[in-house]
């Protein structure tokens, strides 16, 4: 993937690029470079989407990890690895992706 950009306004922009493949079951595998701007804005909006306790904890943990990796800034670039449909930030599983 050359470049995928999500712009939700209010400075909430995420871009991703990197090679990927899809297996016979429709599961994605790949390594992506992901840049997220306005991490706090994403956090505030995603906790409204993932309203159950596990979802809210997940969103807050990811936002905290991104902020820490960005040395306290509100923009971070990380490697996101996806193996057989499961997304990982470092060695932490984030979420299972739907089949294509």
Foldseek 3Di string as FASTA:
>chain_A
DQKDWDDPDPFFIKMKDWDWDADPQQAIWTKIKMKTAQLVVCLVVQCVVQVDPVSNVLSVVVSVVQCVQVVNHRMGIAIWTGDRQWIDGPNRTRDGHDGD
